[in-house]
Amino acid sequence: MYYNNLQRATSVTPSDTVDLIHPQNYVVVTATGTLQAGTTYRFTISQADYEDKISAGDLLVEGGDTLARILSLTWNSPTQVDITFDAAFGGSSSFSFYSDPPALENVQSGAVLYVGTGGAVAVETIGGDDVIFTNVANGTFIYVECKKVKATGTGASGILAIW
């Protein structure tokens, strides 16, 4: 691992189900969504022709916070889609969908973490190990390649993922 060349960073929202979003992943579309029932939401997209750009597995993000991963979707019209997610979240707001470019799949290395406000940090490493770093101090770097920062077990905040 060579860390003198870290160039990209993104804020982290701990999640037990969603991996860290690499900055090279791209925004597919931005939409407005409203809860329909359970974990199904109806989204209105300002432009048509996005049916082939949003798919199961894509991530939903609001203000930099990862909310959920798409499980299934049904297009009602060229600008309206009902989407079922792996988790429930707030009511009506503006969201962005992120997708993994096919060229980057299975190539991405894990992220080093910066912890702004200390506490425990629960991670899944790129090797698949679940680890909890306890008593992490304010302003600390965690030099372990992390795939996921878990909500369960994480008390620290102001976490950045750095690649």
N, C-alpha and C. Protein backbone atom coordinates (compact mmCIF):
# COMPACT_ATOMS: atom_id res chain seq x y z
N MET A 1 0.84 -1.18 0.00
CA MET A 1 0.00 0.00 0.00
C MET A 1 0.88 1.24 0.00
N TYR A 2 0.58 2.14 -0.88
CA TYR A 2 1.34 3.36 -1.01
C TYR A 2 0.41 4.54 -0.79
N TYR A 3 0.59 5.30 0.27
CA TYR A 3 -0.36 6.34 0.64
C TYR A 3 0.12 7.76 0.38
N ASN A 4 1.30 7.94 -0.17
CA ASN A 4 1.77 9.30 -0.41
C ASN A 4 1.09 9.93 -1.61
N ASN A 5 0.26 9.17 -2.32
CA ASN A 5 -0.36 9.67 -3.52
C ASN A 5 -1.88 9.74 -3.39
N LEU A 6 -2.40 9.89 -2.17
CA LEU A 6 -3.84 9.98 -1.98
C LEU A 6 -4.35 11.25 -2.63
N GLN A 7 -5.40 11.12 -3.46
CA GLN A 7 -5.84 12.26 -4.25
C GLN A 7 -7.32 12.56 -4.17
N ARG A 8 -8.15 11.60 -3.80
CA ARG A 8 -9.59 11.79 -3.84
C ARG A 8 -10.17 11.53 -2.45
N ALA A 9 -11.22 12.27 -2.10
CA ALA A 9 -11.86 12.09 -0.79
C ALA A 9 -13.35 12.34 -0.90
N THR A 10 -14.10 11.70 -0.01
CA THR A 10 -15.54 11.90 0.07
C THR A 10 -15.98 11.70 1.51
N SER A 11 -17.03 12.41 1.93
CA SER A 11 -17.52 12.22 3.29
C SER A 11 -18.23 10.86 3.38
N VAL A 12 -18.23 10.30 4.58
CA VAL A 12 -18.75 8.95 4.79
C VAL A 12 -20.01 9.01 5.65
N THR A 13 -21.03 8.31 5.21
CA THR A 13 -22.20 8.04 6.03
C THR A 13 -22.14 6.56 6.39
N PRO A 14 -21.90 6.23 7.65
CA PRO A 14 -21.82 4.81 8.02
C PRO A 14 -23.08 4.06 7.64
N SER A 15 -22.90 2.86 7.09
CA SER A 15 -24.02 2.01 6.68
C SER A 15 -23.61 0.56 6.84
N ASP A 16 -24.52 -0.25 7.36
CA ASP A 16 -24.23 -1.67 7.50
C ASP A 16 -24.38 -2.41 6.18
N THR A 17 -25.01 -1.79 5.18
CA THR A 17 -25.30 -2.48 3.93
C THR A 17 -24.63 -1.88 2.69
N VAL A 18 -24.25 -0.61 2.72
CA VAL A 18 -23.75 0.06 1.52
C VAL A 18 -22.25 0.31 1.63
N ASP A 19 -21.52 -0.07 0.57
CA ASP A 19 -20.08 0.16 0.51
C ASP A 19 -19.78 1.64 0.33
N LEU A 20 -18.54 2.02 0.58
CA LEU A 20 -18.10 3.39 0.34
C LEU A 20 -18.22 3.71 -1.15
N ILE A 21 -18.60 4.94 -1.47
CA ILE A 21 -18.73 5.35 -2.87
C ILE A 21 -17.42 5.99 -3.31
N HIS A 22 -16.76 5.36 -4.26
CA HIS A 22 -15.52 5.90 -4.79
C HIS A 22 -15.84 7.15 -5.63
N PRO A 23 -15.05 8.22 -5.53
CA PRO A 23 -15.33 9.45 -6.28
C PRO A 23 -15.37 9.26 -7.79
N GLN A 24 -14.78 8.18 -8.31
CA GLN A 24 -14.84 7.95 -9.75
C GLN A 24 -16.18 7.39 -10.19
N ASN A 25 -16.99 6.94 -9.23
CA ASN A 25 -18.34 6.54 -9.59
C ASN A 25 -19.07 7.80 -10.01
N TYR A 26 -20.04 7.68 -10.84
CA TYR A 26 -20.63 8.87 -11.40
C TYR A 26 -22.12 9.00 -11.06
N VAL A 27 -22.60 10.23 -11.10
CA VAL A 27 -24.01 10.51 -10.89
C VAL A 27 -24.75 10.17 -12.18
N VAL A 28 -25.72 9.31 -12.08
CA VAL A 28 -26.52 8.95 -13.23
C VAL A 28 -27.57 10.01 -13.48
N VAL A 29 -28.28 10.40 -12.43
CA VAL A 29 -29.38 11.36 -12.58
C VAL A 29 -29.75 11.90 -11.21
N THR A 30 -30.30 13.10 -11.19
CA THR A 30 -30.84 13.67 -9.96
C THR A 30 -32.36 13.72 -10.11
N ALA A 31 -33.07 13.37 -9.03
CA ALA A 31 -34.54 13.27 -9.10
C ALA A 31 -35.17 13.68 -7.79
N THR A 32 -36.48 13.94 -7.82
CA THR A 32 -37.26 14.22 -6.63
C THR A 32 -38.09 12.99 -6.32
N GLY A 33 -38.08 12.54 -5.06
CA GLY A 33 -38.78 11.32 -4.70
C GLY A 33 -39.72 11.48 -3.53
N THR A 34 -40.77 10.66 -3.51
CA THR A 34 -41.75 10.65 -2.43
C THR A 34 -42.04 9.21 -2.03
N LEU A 35 -42.09 8.96 -0.71
CA LEU A 35 -42.39 7.63 -0.19
C LEU A 35 -43.79 7.20 -0.62
N GLN A 36 -43.89 5.96 -1.14
CA GLN A 36 -45.19 5.39 -1.50
C GLN A 36 -45.65 4.44 -0.39
N ALA A 37 -44.83 3.44 -0.07
CA ALA A 37 -45.14 2.48 1.00
C ALA A 37 -43.89 1.67 1.30
N GLY A 38 -43.66 1.39 2.59
CA GLY A 38 -42.53 0.56 2.99
C GLY A 38 -41.21 1.14 2.54
N THR A 39 -40.55 0.46 1.61
CA THR A 39 -39.27 0.95 1.08
C THR A 39 -39.39 1.27 -0.41
N THR A 40 -40.62 1.52 -0.88
CA THR A 40 -40.85 1.89 -2.28
C THR A 40 -41.14 3.38 -2.38
N TYR A 41 -40.44 4.03 -3.30
CA TYR A 41 -40.56 5.47 -3.50
C TYR A 41 -40.85 5.75 -4.96
N ARG A 42 -41.59 6.83 -5.24
CA ARG A 42 -41.85 7.27 -6.61
C ARG A 42 -40.97 8.48 -6.89
N PHE A 43 -40.21 8.39 -7.98
CA PHE A 43 -39.31 9.47 -8.37
C PHE A 43 -39.76 10.11 -9.66
N THR A 44 -39.66 11.44 -9.70
CA THR A 44 -39.90 12.21 -10.91
C THR A 44 -38.56 12.75 -11.38
N ILE A 45 -38.24 12.46 -12.62
CA ILE A 45 -36.97 12.85 -13.21
C ILE A 45 -37.24 13.95 -14.22
N SER A 46 -36.46 15.02 -14.17
CA SER A 46 -36.73 16.20 -15.00
C SER A 46 -36.53 15.95 -16.49
N GLN A 47 -35.74 14.95 -16.85
CA GLN A 47 -35.50 14.65 -18.26
C GLN A 47 -35.90 13.21 -18.55
N ALA A 48 -36.36 12.96 -19.78
CA ALA A 48 -36.72 11.60 -20.18
C ALA A 48 -35.46 10.82 -20.59
N ASP A 49 -35.66 9.58 -20.98
CA ASP A 49 -34.60 8.71 -21.50
C ASP A 49 -33.57 8.30 -20.46
N TYR A 50 -34.00 8.03 -19.24
CA TYR A 50 -33.10 7.51 -18.22
C TYR A 50 -33.39 6.06 -17.88
N GLU A 51 -34.32 5.43 -18.60
CA GLU A 51 -34.69 4.05 -18.30
C GLU A 51 -33.49 3.11 -18.31
N ASP A 52 -32.54 3.34 -19.19
CA ASP A 52 -31.40 2.43 -19.27
C ASP A 52 -30.21 2.90 -18.44
N LYS A 53 -30.37 3.98 -17.68
CA LYS A 53 -29.26 4.52 -16.90
C LYS A 53 -29.38 4.27 -15.40
N ILE A 54 -30.57 3.90 -14.93
CA ILE A 54 -30.77 3.57 -13.52
C ILE A 54 -31.11 2.09 -13.46
N SER A 55 -30.41 1.35 -12.58
CA SER A 55 -30.65 -0.09 -12.52
C SER A 55 -30.49 -0.61 -11.09
N ALA A 56 -30.94 -1.83 -10.88
CA ALA A 56 -30.79 -2.49 -9.58
C ALA A 56 -29.31 -2.50 -9.22
N GLY A 57 -29.01 -2.22 -7.96
CA GLY A 57 -27.64 -2.17 -7.49
C GLY A 57 -27.09 -0.77 -7.38
N ASP A 58 -27.69 0.19 -8.09
CA ASP A 58 -27.24 1.58 -7.99
C ASP A 58 -27.54 2.11 -6.59
N LEU A 59 -26.82 3.16 -6.19
CA LEU A 59 -26.97 3.75 -4.87
C LEU A 59 -27.78 5.04 -4.95
N LEU A 60 -28.55 5.32 -3.90
CA LEU A 60 -29.28 6.57 -3.77
C LEU A 60 -28.57 7.42 -2.73
N VAL A 61 -28.28 8.67 -3.08
CA VAL A 61 -27.52 9.56 -2.21
C VAL A 61 -28.28 10.87 -2.06
N GLU A 62 -28.29 11.42 -0.85
CA GLU A 62 -28.89 12.72 -0.58
C GLU A 62 -27.88 13.57 0.17
N GLY A 63 -27.48 14.69 -0.42
CA GLY A 63 -26.54 15.60 0.25
C GLY A 63 -25.25 14.94 0.68
N GLY A 64 -24.75 13.98 -0.08
CA GLY A 64 -23.51 13.30 0.27
C GLY A 64 -23.70 12.09 1.16
N ASP A 65 -24.92 11.87 1.66
CA ASP A 65 -25.19 10.74 2.53
C ASP A 65 -25.80 9.59 1.74
N THR A 66 -25.18 8.44 1.78
CA THR A 66 -25.71 7.26 1.11
C THR A 66 -26.90 6.76 1.90
N LEU A 67 -28.03 6.59 1.22
CA LEU A 67 -29.25 6.18 1.89
C LEU A 67 -29.60 4.71 1.69
N ALA A 68 -29.48 4.24 0.45
CA ALA A 68 -29.93 2.88 0.16
C ALA A 68 -29.43 2.42 -1.19
N ARG A 69 -29.58 1.10 -1.43
CA ARG A 69 -29.24 0.50 -2.72
C ARG A 69 -30.55 0.04 -3.38
N ILE A 70 -30.65 0.24 -4.70
CA ILE A 70 -31.86 -0.14 -5.45
C ILE A 70 -31.96 -1.66 -5.53
N LEU A 71 -33.14 -2.19 -5.16
CA LEU A 71 -33.42 -3.61 -5.30
C LEU A 71 -34.16 -3.88 -6.61
N SER A 72 -35.18 -3.06 -6.91
CA SER A 72 -35.95 -3.22 -8.15
C SER A 72 -36.58 -1.90 -8.53
N LEU A 73 -36.97 -1.77 -9.82
CA LEU A 73 -37.61 -0.55 -10.27
C LEU A 73 -38.60 -0.84 -11.40
N THR A 74 -39.65 0.01 -11.46
CA THR A 74 -40.69 -0.10 -12.48
C THR A 74 -40.94 1.29 -13.05
N TRP A 75 -40.78 1.42 -14.37
CA TRP A 75 -41.01 2.71 -15.03
C TRP A 75 -42.49 2.87 -15.33
N ASN A 76 -43.09 3.99 -14.85
CA ASN A 76 -44.49 4.31 -15.11
C ASN A 76 -44.62 5.18 -16.36
N SER A 77 -43.59 5.95 -16.64
CA SER A 77 -43.54 6.83 -17.80
C SER A 77 -42.07 7.15 -18.04
N PRO A 78 -41.73 7.87 -19.12
CA PRO A 78 -40.31 8.19 -19.34
C PRO A 78 -39.69 9.08 -18.25
N THR A 79 -40.51 9.72 -17.42
CA THR A 79 -39.96 10.59 -16.37
C THR A 79 -40.41 10.19 -14.96
N GLN A 80 -41.07 9.05 -14.81
CA GLN A 80 -41.53 8.63 -13.48
C GLN A 80 -41.23 7.15 -13.27
N VAL A 81 -40.63 6.84 -12.11
CA VAL A 81 -40.23 5.48 -11.80
C VAL A 81 -40.52 5.17 -10.33
N ASP A 82 -41.02 3.96 -10.07
CA ASP A 82 -41.19 3.46 -8.70
C ASP A 82 -40.01 2.55 -8.40
N ILE A 83 -39.32 2.84 -7.29
CA ILE A 83 -38.11 2.10 -6.94
C ILE A 83 -38.23 1.53 -5.53
N THR A 84 -37.88 0.26 -5.38
CA THR A 84 -37.82 -0.38 -4.07
C THR A 84 -36.36 -0.49 -3.66
N PHE A 85 -36.09 -0.08 -2.42
CA PHE A 85 -34.72 -0.03 -1.89
C PHE A 85 -34.52 -1.07 -0.79
N ASP A 86 -33.28 -1.24 -0.38
CA ASP A 86 -32.95 -2.18 0.69
C ASP A 86 -33.14 -1.57 2.07
N ALA A 87 -33.53 -0.29 2.14
CA ALA A 87 -33.75 0.38 3.43
C ALA A 87 -34.71 1.54 3.23
N ALA A 88 -35.41 1.91 4.30
CA ALA A 88 -36.31 3.06 4.26
C ALA A 88 -35.53 4.31 4.65
N PHE A 89 -36.01 5.48 4.21
CA PHE A 89 -35.38 6.75 4.54
C PHE A 89 -36.44 7.82 4.54
N GLY A 90 -36.07 9.08 4.69
CA GLY A 90 -37.01 10.19 4.82
C GLY A 90 -38.01 10.32 3.70
N GLY A 91 -38.91 11.27 3.81
CA GLY A 91 -40.01 11.48 2.89
C GLY A 91 -39.62 12.01 1.54
N SER A 92 -39.97 13.25 1.26
CA SER A 92 -39.78 13.83 -0.07
C SER A 92 -38.57 14.76 -0.08
N SER A 93 -37.70 14.58 -1.06
CA SER A 93 -36.52 15.42 -1.14
C SER A 93 -35.87 15.24 -2.51
N SER A 94 -34.72 15.86 -2.70
CA SER A 94 -33.96 15.73 -3.94
C SER A 94 -32.83 14.74 -3.72
N PHE A 95 -32.68 13.81 -4.64
CA PHE A 95 -31.73 12.72 -4.49
C PHE A 95 -30.87 12.58 -5.75
N SER A 96 -29.74 11.89 -5.61
CA SER A 96 -28.91 11.54 -6.76
C SER A 96 -28.71 10.03 -6.76
N PHE A 97 -28.64 9.46 -7.95
CA PHE A 97 -28.37 8.04 -8.11
C PHE A 97 -26.93 7.88 -8.58
N TYR A 98 -26.19 6.97 -7.96
CA TYR A 98 -24.81 6.71 -8.33
C TYR A 98 -24.70 5.29 -8.87
N SER A 99 -23.88 5.12 -9.86
CA SER A 99 -23.68 3.82 -10.47
C SER A 99 -22.18 3.54 -10.57
N ASP A 100 -21.81 2.27 -10.49
CA ASP A 100 -20.42 1.88 -10.67
C ASP A 100 -20.14 1.75 -12.16
N PRO A 101 -19.19 2.51 -12.69
CA PRO A 101 -18.82 2.30 -14.09
C PRO A 101 -18.29 0.88 -14.27
N PRO A 102 -18.73 0.16 -15.30
CA PRO A 102 -18.29 -1.23 -15.48
C PRO A 102 -16.78 -1.40 -15.49
N ALA A 103 -16.05 -0.44 -16.00
CA ALA A 103 -14.58 -0.56 -16.07
C ALA A 103 -13.94 -0.56 -14.70
N LEU A 104 -14.64 -0.04 -13.67
CA LEU A 104 -14.05 0.03 -12.34
C LEU A 104 -14.46 -1.13 -11.44
N GLU A 105 -15.44 -1.93 -11.86
CA GLU A 105 -15.90 -3.02 -11.01
C GLU A 105 -14.75 -3.97 -10.70
N ASN A 106 -14.65 -4.40 -9.47
CA ASN A 106 -13.65 -5.34 -8.99
C ASN A 106 -12.21 -4.83 -9.13
N VAL A 107 -12.02 -3.54 -9.36
CA VAL A 107 -10.69 -2.97 -9.49
C VAL A 107 -10.42 -2.03 -8.32
N GLN A 108 -11.47 -1.47 -7.75
CA GLN A 108 -11.32 -0.45 -6.72
C GLN A 108 -10.64 -0.98 -5.48
N SER A 109 -9.63 -0.27 -5.02
CA SER A 109 -9.01 -0.61 -3.75
C SER A 109 -9.80 0.08 -2.65
N GLY A 110 -9.54 -0.31 -1.43
CA GLY A 110 -10.25 0.29 -0.31
C GLY A 110 -9.76 1.70 -0.02
N ALA A 111 -10.46 2.35 0.88
CA ALA A 111 -10.14 3.73 1.25
C ALA A 111 -9.47 3.77 2.62
N VAL A 112 -8.55 4.70 2.76
CA VAL A 112 -8.00 5.07 4.05
C VAL A 112 -9.03 6.01 4.68
N LEU A 113 -9.17 6.00 5.99
CA LEU A 113 -10.17 6.86 6.64
C LEU A 113 -9.51 7.96 7.46
N TYR A 114 -10.15 9.11 7.48
CA TYR A 114 -9.79 10.21 8.38
C TYR A 114 -10.98 10.38 9.31
N VAL A 115 -10.73 10.42 10.62
CA VAL A 115 -11.79 10.57 11.61
C VAL A 115 -11.70 11.96 12.22
N GLY A 116 -12.70 12.80 11.96
CA GLY A 116 -12.70 14.17 12.47
C GLY A 116 -12.99 14.23 13.95
N THR A 117 -14.10 13.62 14.37
CA THR A 117 -14.48 13.58 15.78
C THR A 117 -14.39 12.14 16.25
N GLY A 118 -13.56 11.88 17.22
CA GLY A 118 -13.21 10.54 17.63
C GLY A 118 -14.32 9.71 18.22
N GLY A 119 -14.01 8.44 18.40
CA GLY A 119 -14.93 7.45 18.93
C GLY A 119 -14.60 6.12 18.29
N ALA A 120 -15.52 5.19 18.38
CA ALA A 120 -15.33 3.88 17.75
C ALA A 120 -15.64 3.97 16.26
N VAL A 121 -14.90 3.19 15.45
CA VAL A 121 -15.14 3.13 14.01
C VAL A 121 -15.17 1.65 13.62
N ALA A 122 -16.35 1.19 13.17
CA ALA A 122 -16.52 -0.19 12.73
C ALA A 122 -16.40 -0.23 11.21
N VAL A 123 -15.54 -1.10 10.69
CA VAL A 123 -15.31 -1.16 9.25
C VAL A 123 -15.35 -2.61 8.76
N GLU A 124 -15.52 -2.73 7.44
CA GLU A 124 -15.26 -3.98 6.74
C GLU A 124 -14.08 -3.68 5.83
N THR A 125 -13.02 -4.47 5.94
CA THR A 125 -11.83 -4.25 5.12
C THR A 125 -12.05 -4.84 3.73
N ILE A 126 -11.17 -4.49 2.78
CA ILE A 126 -11.32 -5.06 1.44
C ILE A 126 -11.08 -6.57 1.46
N GLY A 127 -10.46 -7.07 2.51
CA GLY A 127 -10.28 -8.51 2.67
C GLY A 127 -11.49 -9.20 3.27
N GLY A 128 -12.53 -8.41 3.64
CA GLY A 128 -13.75 -8.99 4.18
C GLY A 128 -13.78 -9.12 5.69
N ASP A 129 -12.77 -8.60 6.38
CA ASP A 129 -12.73 -8.68 7.85
C ASP A 129 -13.56 -7.56 8.46
N ASP A 130 -14.32 -7.89 9.50
CA ASP A 130 -15.05 -6.89 10.28
C ASP A 130 -14.18 -6.50 11.47
N VAL A 131 -13.88 -5.20 11.58
CA VAL A 131 -12.98 -4.70 12.62
C VAL A 131 -13.63 -3.48 13.27
N ILE A 132 -13.49 -3.36 14.58
CA ILE A 132 -13.92 -2.15 15.28
C ILE A 132 -12.69 -1.51 15.91
N PHE A 133 -12.38 -0.30 15.47
CA PHE A 133 -11.31 0.49 16.08
C PHE A 133 -11.93 1.27 17.22
N THR A 134 -11.45 1.05 18.44
CA THR A 134 -12.03 1.71 19.61
C THR A 134 -11.18 2.90 20.02
N ASN A 135 -11.80 3.86 20.66
CA ASN A 135 -11.12 5.04 21.20
C ASN A 135 -10.24 5.76 20.18
N VAL A 136 -10.75 5.88 18.95
CA VAL A 136 -10.01 6.61 17.91
C VAL A 136 -10.06 8.09 18.27
N ALA A 137 -8.92 8.75 18.30
CA ALA A 137 -8.83 10.16 18.70
C ALA A 137 -9.29 11.09 17.57
N ASN A 138 -9.67 12.32 17.93
CA ASN A 138 -10.00 13.34 16.94
C ASN A 138 -8.82 13.52 15.99
N GLY A 139 -9.12 13.70 14.70
CA GLY A 139 -8.07 14.01 13.73
C GLY A 139 -7.14 12.86 13.41
N THR A 140 -7.63 11.63 13.51
CA THR A 140 -6.80 10.44 13.29
C THR A 140 -7.04 9.85 11.90
N PHE A 141 -5.96 9.36 11.27
CA PHE A 141 -6.07 8.58 10.04
C PHE A 141 -6.06 7.11 10.40
N ILE A 142 -6.88 6.32 9.73
CA ILE A 142 -6.87 4.86 9.87
C ILE A 142 -6.33 4.32 8.56
N TYR A 143 -5.08 3.82 8.60
CA TYR A 143 -4.39 3.35 7.40
C TYR A 143 -4.67 1.87 7.15
N VAL A 144 -5.94 1.55 6.97
CA VAL A 144 -6.39 0.21 6.61
C VAL A 144 -7.31 0.39 5.42
N GLU A 145 -7.17 -0.45 4.39
CA GLU A 145 -8.03 -0.31 3.21
C GLU A 145 -9.43 -0.80 3.55
N CYS A 146 -10.36 0.16 3.64
CA CYS A 146 -11.72 -0.13 4.07
C CYS A 146 -12.68 -0.13 2.89
N LYS A 147 -13.59 -1.08 2.91
CA LYS A 147 -14.64 -1.19 1.90
C LYS A 147 -15.93 -0.55 2.39
N LYS A 148 -16.15 -0.60 3.71
CA LYS A 148 -17.40 -0.13 4.28
C LYS A 148 -17.14 0.40 5.68
N VAL A 149 -17.81 1.50 6.05
CA VAL A 149 -17.84 1.99 7.43
C VAL A 149 -19.23 1.67 7.94
N LYS A 150 -19.31 0.81 8.94
CA LYS A 150 -20.60 0.31 9.41
C LYS A 150 -21.25 1.25 10.42
N ALA A 151 -22.56 1.35 10.32
CA ALA A 151 -23.32 2.18 11.25
C ALA A 151 -23.32 1.54 12.64
N THR A 152 -23.50 0.21 12.68
CA THR A 152 -23.50 -0.50 13.95
C THR A 152 -22.07 -0.56 14.47
N GLY A 153 -21.83 0.05 15.62
CA GLY A 153 -20.51 0.04 16.23
C GLY A 153 -19.70 1.30 15.98
N THR A 154 -20.19 2.20 15.11
CA THR A 154 -19.47 3.44 14.84
C THR A 154 -20.09 4.59 15.62
N GLY A 155 -19.27 5.22 16.47
CA GLY A 155 -19.71 6.38 17.24
C GLY A 155 -18.98 7.65 16.79
N ALA A 156 -17.90 7.48 16.07
CA ALA A 156 -17.13 8.62 15.57
C ALA A 156 -17.93 9.33 14.47
N SER A 157 -17.55 10.57 14.17
CA SER A 157 -18.24 11.33 13.11
C SER A 157 -17.20 12.15 12.34
N GLY A 158 -17.67 12.83 11.31
CA GLY A 158 -16.75 13.60 10.48
C GLY A 158 -15.74 12.72 9.79
N ILE A 159 -16.21 11.54 9.32
CA ILE A 159 -15.30 10.56 8.71
C ILE A 159 -15.21 10.84 7.22
N LEU A 160 -13.97 10.80 6.70
CA LEU A 160 -13.71 10.95 5.28
C LEU A 160 -13.08 9.66 4.76
N ALA A 161 -13.50 9.23 3.57
CA ALA A 161 -12.85 8.13 2.87
C ALA A 161 -11.90 8.76 1.86
N ILE A 162 -10.65 8.31 1.86
CA ILE A 162 -9.63 8.91 1.00
C ILE A 162 -8.98 7.81 0.16
N TRP A 163 -8.92 8.06 -1.15
CA TRP A 163 -8.28 7.12 -2.08
C TRP A 163 -7.07 7.76 -2.68
